[in-house]
Amino acid sequence: MKGKKKVIIGIIAAVVVVGIVVAVVLGMRRGKSDKTINVGNATESDEMSSWRTDGHRVAKAESGYYYLEWSDTDSTTMLMYLDDSTHKTIPVCAKAECKHNSADCNAVLDSSYDNSPLHYYKGSLYVVKVEGGMAKLERIAKDGSSRENVADLFASDDGTVSLVFHDDCVYAYDRIGHMGAVESKDTDKVVIVKAELANGKTSEVFSYEGANNAINEARSFGDKLFFLINHNSIDKETLTADVNYKLYCYDYATGSAELVSDKNISDYYVDTDNGILYYFVIDKGLYSRKLNENDGKLIYKADDSIVMAALSYDGKYIYMCNGGAGSATQITNFIDEKIFVLNPDGTLVNTIELDRRKMSNLYYGDDKYLFLGYSNKLSYIDKSSISGSVEIVPVK
C-alpha cells in the first residue's frame, strides 16, 4: 500500500495488535462470579456474529459474498462479488461497457472509504465513508447502481467504524477509540450510536468514560448486544502495555447496559441454541458456561502457542486464532498464526498453520467458508475439509 492509506492502516494495525498482544495482564480477582444472562431467542442478526465485527470487509449475501479489495495501483477500493457456485469474482458494477478502471465505475470507492467495513443486510450493502470529519453510513444497491446517505454517525477522521445490525437499526462505534493514545484523558469517552435505517435518526445508547479505552468486537445475540471494553495504555519506552478487557451487554428492549464479566476476556461467543457463553481469558484459556449460571469451566488451557484468542463458532466447531502472539509479556514476540478448531467440549479437532508474514486479516465466516486475507489476496478455506487437510484458496 502507498501513501496516506499505508500510514493509516499501519497505525491501526499496530494499535489493534497491541490491543490483542497483551504485555501486562491485570490479575483476575479470584472467587468472583460473573453475571447470569438471558438473551431470548436467536434473530436474523445472530448469523452475522460468526464473522469478526472489527475489520468486517466480507459480507454474506443470498448466493455469494461481497468483499472490499484494495488496489495498490491507484489507491482505491473495489467492491467485488464472489459467486458461491462458480467461485468466480466480478466487480459490483452493471454499467454497460464499463472497464472497471476509473472513478466512473460503480464498483470503485475512493479514499473516503479507506477503512470502511462492509455489510449486507436485507437486500442492501452498507459501508462507512468519512466526509468533512464525519463518519457517514451509506447504503449501496446490491448491483452497485445507487448510493445514498443513511445517517451521520459521529465525528471521525479515519473511519475506523464497526457496525452491528439488529431489527432495522445499526449500532456503530469506533473500534480504535483512545487505545494507546499518549494524550488520552480520564474524561475521554467511547460511545455506541444507534441509527435507524428507515429514517437516519441517531441516538447515543451507550457511553464509557476513561483514558485509553475502546469498544471492540460487538455482536448481536438474541435480544442483547454484547461488546468488549478494551483498556490499553502503552509504555513506549519498555514496549509494554497495561491492558484489560471487560465484557458488557446492552438490552435492546430496555436500553440498559451491564457488566457481564471483568475477567480479561480477549473474545467470546454466545451459542443461543444451547444457552452457552464461550470466552477466552488471557493467559488462562477457553471457558464455557451456561448463560443462567455464574461460573465457567476451563475447556482448553492456554499455553505457549495460544495466550489469547479471537473466537468464532459455526454451530459445529469453535475456532480460536492466536493472533500471532508469542508472549503475554513481550509485545515484540510474534509467532506464526494458528487457528485451532475445537469441538464444543474443547477437544482439539485440527490446527491450521498460517504464515504470519502472509496474513493481513482474519474475517472468519459462515458454516461453509473461513475467509482471510492471505498473500495480499482474499482467500478462503472450505469448511467441508476443516477437520483434515485444508487448502487456502485465493479468490480469482
Protein backbone atom coordinates (compact mmCIF):
# COMPACT_ATOMS: atom_id res chain seq x y z
CA MET A 1 0.00 0.00 0.00
CA LYS A 2 1.17 3.51 -0.62
CA GLY A 3 0.91 7.00 0.79
CA LYS A 4 -1.74 8.00 3.26
CA LYS A 5 -3.52 4.64 3.06
CA LYS A 6 -0.41 2.80 4.16
CA VAL A 7 0.15 5.17 7.09
CA ILE A 8 -3.45 4.96 8.31
CA ILE A 9 -3.69 1.18 8.05
CA GLY A 10 -0.23 0.76 9.59
CA ILE A 11 -1.17 2.79 12.65
CA ILE A 12 -4.49 1.00 13.03
CA ALA A 13 -2.88 -2.43 12.66
CA ALA A 14 -0.21 -1.56 15.23
CA VAL A 15 -2.71 -0.36 17.79
CA VAL A 16 -5.00 -3.35 17.26
CA VAL A 17 -2.09 -5.79 17.59
CA VAL A 18 -1.02 -4.11 20.82
CA GLY A 19 -4.63 -4.36 21.99
CA ILE A 20 -4.51 -8.10 21.44
CA VAL A 21 -0.91 -8.91 22.28
CA VAL A 22 -1.00 -8.24 25.99
CA ALA A 23 2.16 -7.11 27.73
CA VAL A 24 0.90 -6.69 31.28
CA VAL A 25 -2.14 -8.71 32.25
CA LEU A 26 -4.13 -7.44 35.18
CA GLY A 27 -4.74 -10.09 37.81
CA MET A 28 -8.14 -11.73 37.89
CA ARG A 29 -10.00 -11.48 41.16
CA ARG A 30 -10.40 -14.99 42.46
CA GLY A 31 -13.73 -16.24 43.55
CA LYS A 32 -15.75 -13.53 41.83
CA SER A 33 -18.68 -14.85 39.83
CA ASP A 34 -19.93 -13.41 36.54
CA LYS A 35 -23.45 -12.20 35.87
CA THR A 36 -26.14 -14.55 34.59
CA ILE A 37 -27.75 -13.55 31.29
CA ASN A 38 -30.94 -14.22 29.37
CA VAL A 39 -30.69 -13.49 25.62
CA GLY A 40 -34.09 -14.79 24.48
CA ASN A 41 -34.46 -16.37 21.06
CA ALA A 42 -31.99 -16.06 18.19
CA THR A 43 -32.72 -13.45 15.49
CA GLU A 44 -31.62 -12.96 11.88
CA SER A 45 -28.79 -10.75 13.15
CA ASP A 46 -27.19 -13.68 15.00
CA GLU A 47 -26.00 -15.14 11.68
CA MET A 48 -23.61 -12.20 11.25
CA SER A 49 -21.99 -12.88 14.61
CA SER A 50 -19.84 -15.76 13.37
CA TRP A 51 -17.87 -13.11 11.42
CA ARG A 52 -15.42 -10.77 13.12
CA THR A 53 -17.10 -7.39 13.58
CA ASP A 54 -13.96 -5.26 13.70
CA GLY A 55 -12.48 -5.12 10.21
CA HIS A 56 -15.60 -6.65 8.63
CA ARG A 57 -14.81 -6.41 4.89
CA VAL A 58 -16.51 -9.59 3.64
CA ALA A 59 -20.31 -9.89 3.72
CA LYS A 60 -22.53 -12.87 3.05
CA ALA A 61 -25.48 -12.46 0.63
CA GLU A 62 -28.11 -14.89 -0.69
CA SER A 63 -25.91 -16.76 -3.19
CA GLY A 64 -22.43 -15.39 -2.68
CA TYR A 65 -20.19 -12.95 -0.85
CA TYR A 66 -19.42 -9.27 -1.31
CA TYR A 67 -15.98 -8.01 -0.34
CA LEU A 68 -13.75 -4.94 -0.49
CA GLU A 69 -10.48 -5.20 -2.41
CA TRP A 70 -7.72 -2.64 -2.05
CA SER A 71 -5.75 -1.64 -5.17
CA ASP A 72 -2.11 -0.60 -4.75
CA THR A 73 -2.07 0.59 -8.35
CA ASP A 74 -4.47 3.52 -8.00
CA SER A 75 -5.06 3.63 -4.20
CA THR A 76 -8.75 2.84 -4.47
CA THR A 77 -11.06 0.19 -3.04
CA MET A 78 -13.09 -2.04 -5.36
CA LEU A 79 -16.44 -3.51 -4.36
CA MET A 80 -16.37 -7.13 -5.54
CA TYR A 81 -18.70 -10.13 -5.58
CA LEU A 82 -17.73 -13.80 -5.19
CA ASP A 83 -20.26 -16.23 -6.66
CA ASP A 84 -20.70 -19.22 -4.35
CA SER A 85 -21.44 -21.70 -7.13
CA THR A 86 -18.70 -20.77 -9.61
CA HIS A 87 -16.18 -19.25 -7.17
CA LYS A 88 -15.59 -16.50 -9.74
CA THR A 89 -15.39 -12.83 -8.81
CA ILE A 90 -16.72 -9.74 -10.58
CA PRO A 91 -16.80 -6.00 -9.79
CA VAL A 92 -20.18 -4.85 -8.46
CA CYS A 93 -20.98 -2.68 -11.47
CA ALA A 94 -23.73 -3.21 -14.04
CA LYS A 95 -22.75 -0.34 -16.32
CA ALA A 96 -22.62 -1.37 -19.96
CA GLU A 97 -19.10 -1.45 -21.41
CA CYS A 98 -17.53 -0.31 -18.13
CA LYS A 99 -13.89 -1.38 -17.87
CA HIS A 100 -13.94 -1.01 -14.06
CA ASN A 101 -10.74 1.01 -14.01
CA SER A 102 -11.90 4.57 -13.36
CA ALA A 103 -13.81 6.62 -10.80
CA ASP A 104 -16.89 6.39 -13.04
CA CYS A 105 -17.20 2.68 -12.27
CA ASN A 106 -19.95 1.89 -9.76
CA ALA A 107 -17.65 -0.59 -8.01
CA VAL A 108 -14.85 1.90 -7.32
CA LEU A 109 -14.76 3.51 -3.87
CA ASP A 110 -12.45 6.48 -3.33
CA SER A 111 -10.16 7.21 -0.37
CA SER A 112 -13.06 8.39 1.81
CA TYR A 113 -13.96 4.69 2.18
CA ASP A 114 -10.41 3.55 3.02
CA ASN A 115 -11.21 1.93 6.38
CA SER A 116 -14.85 1.13 5.73
CA PRO A 117 -16.49 -2.08 6.89
CA LEU A 118 -18.86 -3.87 4.51
CA HIS A 119 -22.18 -5.43 5.48
CA TYR A 120 -25.12 -6.94 3.62
CA TYR A 121 -28.46 -6.52 5.39
CA LYS A 122 -31.96 -7.13 4.00
CA GLY A 123 -31.03 -6.78 0.34
CA SER A 124 -28.68 -3.79 0.56
CA LEU A 125 -24.98 -3.18 1.14
CA TYR A 126 -23.78 -0.82 3.86
CA VAL A 127 -20.43 0.98 4.09
CA VAL A 128 -18.97 3.93 6.01
CA LYS A 129 -17.32 6.94 4.39
CA VAL A 130 -15.59 9.90 6.01
CA GLU A 131 -16.61 13.32 4.76
CA GLY A 132 -15.86 16.63 6.45
CA GLY A 133 -14.65 14.90 9.60
CA MET A 134 -17.88 12.90 9.95
CA ALA A 135 -18.34 9.13 9.66
CA LYS A 136 -21.39 8.56 7.49
CA LEU A 137 -23.39 5.38 6.98
CA GLU A 138 -24.09 4.77 3.30
CA ARG A 139 -26.44 2.31 1.61
CA ILE A 140 -25.43 0.80 -1.76
CA ALA A 141 -27.74 -1.13 -4.08
CA LYS A 142 -26.64 -4.76 -4.36
CA ASP A 143 -25.85 -4.28 -8.07
CA GLY A 144 -23.87 -1.13 -7.29
CA SER A 145 -26.25 1.11 -9.28
CA SER A 146 -27.03 3.60 -6.49
CA ARG A 147 -25.67 5.00 -3.25
CA GLU A 148 -27.47 7.00 -0.60
CA ASN A 149 -26.52 8.56 2.71
CA VAL A 150 -28.41 6.96 5.60
CA ALA A 151 -27.08 8.73 8.69
CA ASP A 152 -24.28 10.85 10.12
CA LEU A 153 -22.85 8.62 12.86
CA PHE A 154 -20.20 10.57 14.77
CA ALA A 155 -17.07 12.67 14.28
CA SER A 156 -14.19 10.70 12.76
CA ASP A 157 -11.03 11.45 10.81
CA ASP A 158 -10.16 7.93 9.68
CA GLY A 159 -13.42 5.95 9.58
CA THR A 160 -12.38 3.09 11.85
CA VAL A 161 -16.05 2.33 12.44
CA SER A 162 -17.60 -1.05 13.22
CA LEU A 163 -21.27 -1.89 12.70
CA VAL A 164 -23.79 -4.34 14.16
CA PHE A 165 -27.27 -4.71 12.63
CA HIS A 166 -30.44 -5.56 14.53
CA ASP A 167 -34.15 -5.00 13.90
CA ASP A 168 -33.71 -2.44 11.08
CA CYS A 169 -31.18 -0.44 13.07
CA VAL A 170 -27.41 -0.29 13.09
CA TYR A 171 -25.21 0.12 16.18
CA ALA A 172 -21.94 1.89 15.39
CA TYR A 173 -18.73 2.52 17.34
CA ASP A 174 -15.08 3.46 16.75
CA ARG A 175 -13.04 0.28 17.18
CA ILE A 176 -9.78 2.19 17.84
CA GLY A 177 -11.18 4.79 20.23
CA HIS A 178 -8.48 6.09 22.56
CA MET A 179 -6.41 2.90 22.80
CA GLY A 180 -2.74 3.65 23.33
CA ALA A 181 -3.22 7.40 22.87
CA VAL A 182 -0.42 9.36 24.56
CA GLU A 183 -2.65 12.29 25.47
CA SER A 184 -5.77 10.34 26.40
CA LYS A 185 -7.58 11.77 29.44
CA ASP A 186 -9.89 10.41 32.14
CA THR A 187 -12.71 12.45 30.57
CA ASP A 188 -12.37 10.75 27.17
CA LYS A 189 -15.48 8.87 26.14
CA VAL A 190 -16.25 5.96 23.83
CA VAL A 191 -19.81 5.53 22.59
CA ILE A 192 -22.21 3.28 20.71
CA VAL A 193 -24.58 5.16 18.41
CA LYS A 194 -27.84 3.68 17.15
CA ALA A 195 -29.04 4.70 13.68
CA GLU A 196 -32.49 3.82 12.33
CA LEU A 197 -32.15 2.59 8.75
CA ALA A 198 -35.58 3.85 7.68
CA ASN A 199 -35.12 7.50 8.58
CA GLY A 200 -31.49 8.03 9.62
CA LYS A 201 -32.39 9.10 13.16
CA THR A 202 -29.45 8.62 15.52
CA SER A 203 -29.12 8.37 19.28
CA GLU A 204 -26.31 7.57 21.71
CA VAL A 205 -27.25 4.35 23.52
CA PHE A 206 -24.05 3.65 25.48
CA SER A 207 -21.03 5.60 26.68
CA TYR A 208 -17.98 4.73 28.76
CA GLU A 209 -15.61 7.32 30.21
CA GLY A 210 -11.90 6.98 30.91
CA ALA A 211 -8.45 7.18 29.37
CA ASN A 212 -7.13 4.74 26.76
CA ASN A 213 -10.37 2.85 26.11
CA ALA A 214 -12.08 1.47 23.03
CA ILE A 215 -15.09 -0.68 22.22
CA ASN A 216 -14.24 -3.94 20.44
CA GLU A 217 -15.92 -6.93 18.80
CA ALA A 218 -19.60 -6.16 19.38
CA ARG A 219 -22.02 -8.92 18.37
CA SER A 220 -25.77 -9.38 18.44
CA PHE A 221 -27.20 -12.44 20.19
CA GLY A 222 -30.95 -12.71 20.72
CA ASP A 223 -32.21 -9.56 22.42
CA LYS A 224 -28.76 -8.40 23.57
CA LEU A 225 -25.80 -6.58 22.05
CA PHE A 226 -22.54 -7.89 23.53
CA PHE A 227 -19.27 -5.95 23.34
CA LEU A 228 -15.85 -5.59 24.95
CA ILE A 229 -14.41 -2.52 26.65
CA ASN A 230 -10.68 -2.63 25.95
CA HIS A 231 -8.41 -0.53 28.18
CA ASN A 232 -4.97 -0.18 26.60
CA SER A 233 -2.25 2.21 27.75
CA ILE A 234 1.24 1.78 26.30
CA ASP A 235 4.67 2.42 27.78
CA LYS A 236 6.59 3.28 24.63
CA GLU A 237 9.98 3.01 26.32
CA THR A 238 9.57 -0.56 27.54
CA LEU A 239 7.09 -1.64 24.83
CA THR A 240 4.72 -2.94 27.44
CA ALA A 241 1.05 -2.23 27.84
CA ASP A 242 -1.48 -2.13 30.62
CA VAL A 243 -4.41 -3.96 29.04
CA ASN A 244 -7.69 -5.16 30.45
CA TYR A 245 -10.92 -6.27 28.80
CA LYS A 246 -14.43 -6.17 30.24
CA LEU A 247 -17.43 -7.89 28.66
CA TYR A 248 -20.71 -5.94 28.61
CA CYS A 249 -24.16 -6.49 27.16
CA TYR A 250 -26.82 -4.00 26.10
CA ASP A 251 -30.53 -4.83 26.22
CA TYR A 252 -32.24 -3.69 23.01
CA ALA A 253 -35.65 -3.51 24.69
CA THR A 254 -34.79 -1.62 27.87
CA GLY A 255 -31.84 0.40 26.57
CA SER A 256 -29.74 -0.54 29.62
CA ALA A 257 -26.21 -1.96 29.63
CA GLU A 258 -24.49 -4.02 32.31
CA LEU A 259 -21.16 -5.65 33.03
CA VAL A 260 -21.12 -9.39 32.31
CA SER A 261 -17.52 -10.16 33.29
CA ASP A 262 -14.26 -8.35 34.11
CA LYS A 263 -12.08 -11.45 33.75
CA ASN A 264 -9.85 -10.05 30.98
CA ILE A 265 -11.70 -11.78 28.15
CA SER A 266 -10.00 -11.30 24.77
CA ASP A 267 -13.02 -12.63 22.86
CA TYR A 268 -16.28 -14.50 23.35
CA TYR A 269 -19.20 -16.16 21.57
CA VAL A 270 -22.77 -16.97 22.59
CA ASP A 271 -24.39 -20.22 21.48
CA THR A 272 -28.02 -19.09 21.71
CA ASP A 273 -29.42 -22.52 20.78
CA ASN A 274 -27.85 -24.18 23.80
CA GLY A 275 -27.58 -21.17 26.09
CA ILE A 276 -23.78 -21.27 26.40
CA LEU A 277 -21.22 -18.47 26.63
CA TYR A 278 -17.73 -19.33 25.37
CA TYR A 279 -14.96 -16.93 26.36
CA PHE A 280 -11.16 -16.83 26.27
CA VAL A 281 -9.44 -15.41 29.34
CA ILE A 282 -5.99 -14.05 28.54
CA ASP A 283 -3.22 -16.35 29.80
CA LYS A 284 -5.82 -18.79 31.18
CA GLY A 285 -7.66 -20.37 28.26
CA LEU A 286 -11.08 -21.06 26.79
CA TYR A 287 -14.03 -21.37 29.16
CA SER A 288 -17.68 -22.26 28.72
CA ARG A 289 -20.63 -21.64 30.99
CA LYS A 290 -24.38 -21.76 30.88
CA LEU A 291 -25.90 -18.31 30.50
CA ASN A 292 -28.06 -18.91 33.55
CA GLU A 293 -25.04 -19.87 35.68
CA ASN A 294 -22.32 -17.70 37.23
CA ASP A 295 -19.14 -19.70 36.85
CA GLY A 296 -17.40 -21.17 33.83
CA LYS A 297 -15.43 -24.33 33.17
CA LEU A 298 -11.98 -24.34 31.58
CA ILE A 299 -12.22 -26.47 28.42
CA TYR A 300 -8.95 -25.56 26.65
CA LYS A 301 -5.91 -24.39 28.61
CA ALA A 302 -3.70 -21.57 27.29
CA ASP A 303 -0.08 -22.46 26.51
CA ASP A 304 2.87 -21.06 24.58
CA SER A 305 1.01 -21.47 21.29
CA ILE A 306 -2.09 -19.53 22.35
CA VAL A 307 -2.13 -16.94 25.13
CA MET A 308 -5.15 -15.01 23.81
CA ALA A 309 -7.66 -15.72 21.07
CA ALA A 310 -10.16 -14.34 18.59
CA LEU A 311 -13.21 -16.63 18.57
CA SER A 312 -15.91 -17.80 16.20
CA TYR A 313 -18.49 -20.59 16.24
CA ASP A 314 -20.44 -22.00 13.30
CA GLY A 315 -22.83 -24.30 15.15
CA LYS A 316 -20.48 -27.26 14.84
CA TYR A 317 -16.96 -26.13 15.69
CA ILE A 318 -15.33 -23.40 17.77
CA TYR A 319 -12.50 -21.53 16.06
CA MET A 320 -9.68 -19.87 18.03
CA CYS A 321 -6.97 -17.79 16.36
CA ASN A 322 -3.87 -16.92 18.39
CA GLY A 323 -3.32 -13.63 16.50
CA GLY A 324 0.38 -14.39 16.06
CA ALA A 325 1.09 -13.50 19.71
CA GLY A 326 4.05 -15.44 21.07
CA SER A 327 4.03 -13.97 24.55
CA ALA A 328 1.75 -12.28 27.01
CA THR A 329 4.61 -10.17 28.35
CA GLN A 330 6.61 -9.01 25.30
CA ILE A 331 4.68 -7.31 22.51
CA THR A 332 7.52 -7.79 20.02
CA ASN A 333 7.49 -11.57 20.41
CA PHE A 334 5.49 -12.90 17.47
CA ILE A 335 4.90 -16.42 16.19
CA ASP A 336 3.14 -17.78 13.12
CA GLU A 337 -0.61 -17.57 13.41
CA LYS A 338 -2.63 -20.67 14.11
CA ILE A 339 -6.33 -21.38 14.05
CA PHE A 340 -7.41 -24.07 16.49
CA VAL A 341 -10.56 -25.97 15.53
CA LEU A 342 -12.37 -27.40 18.56
CA ASN A 343 -15.45 -29.40 19.38
CA PRO A 344 -17.84 -27.56 21.72
CA ASP A 345 -16.45 -29.56 24.64
CA GLY A 346 -12.96 -28.16 23.96
CA THR A 347 -11.37 -31.23 22.37
CA LEU A 348 -8.99 -30.34 19.54
CA VAL A 349 -10.12 -31.30 16.03
CA ASN A 350 -7.44 -29.61 13.91
CA THR A 351 -4.76 -26.93 13.95
CA ILE A 352 -4.39 -24.75 10.85
CA GLU A 353 -0.88 -23.34 10.46
CA LEU A 354 -0.65 -19.85 8.92
CA ASP A 355 2.39 -17.84 7.83
CA ARG A 356 2.30 -14.60 9.84
CA ARG A 357 4.18 -12.78 7.06
CA LYS A 358 1.37 -13.59 4.63
CA MET A 359 -1.52 -12.86 6.99
CA SER A 360 -3.24 -9.49 6.71
CA ASN A 361 -6.65 -10.15 8.27
CA LEU A 362 -8.91 -12.87 9.60
CA TYR A 363 -12.59 -12.41 8.81
CA TYR A 364 -13.87 -15.82 9.96
CA GLY A 365 -17.09 -16.62 8.05
CA ASP A 366 -20.22 -18.78 7.98
CA ASP A 367 -20.83 -22.53 8.12
CA LYS A 368 -19.33 -23.06 4.64
CA TYR A 369 -16.14 -20.99 4.45
CA LEU A 370 -13.50 -19.38 6.60
CA PHE A 371 -12.20 -16.16 4.98
CA LEU A 372 -8.84 -14.50 5.49
CA GLY A 373 -6.52 -12.00 3.86
CA TYR A 374 -3.51 -14.05 2.76
CA SER A 375 -0.61 -13.13 0.45
CA ASN A 376 -2.33 -9.80 -0.30
CA LYS A 377 -5.42 -11.58 -1.59
CA LEU A 378 -8.80 -12.51 -0.18
CA SER A 379 -8.66 -16.25 0.36
CA TYR A 380 -10.91 -18.91 1.84
CA ILE A 381 -10.85 -22.36 3.41
CA ASP A 382 -13.66 -24.75 2.57
CA LYS A 383 -15.01 -25.99 5.89
CA SER A 384 -16.07 -29.32 4.41
CA SER A 385 -12.45 -30.39 4.96
CA ILE A 386 -11.83 -28.40 8.14
CA SER A 387 -11.15 -31.48 10.26
CA GLY A 388 -8.43 -32.76 7.92
CA SER A 389 -6.01 -31.36 5.38
CA VAL A 390 -7.11 -27.83 4.44
CA GLU A 391 -6.26 -25.65 1.45
CA ILE A 392 -6.06 -21.86 1.48
CA VAL A 393 -7.62 -20.83 -1.84
CA PRO A 394 -7.20 -17.29 -3.21
CA VAL A 395 -10.24 -15.85 -4.97
CA LYS A 396 -10.00 -15.39 -8.74
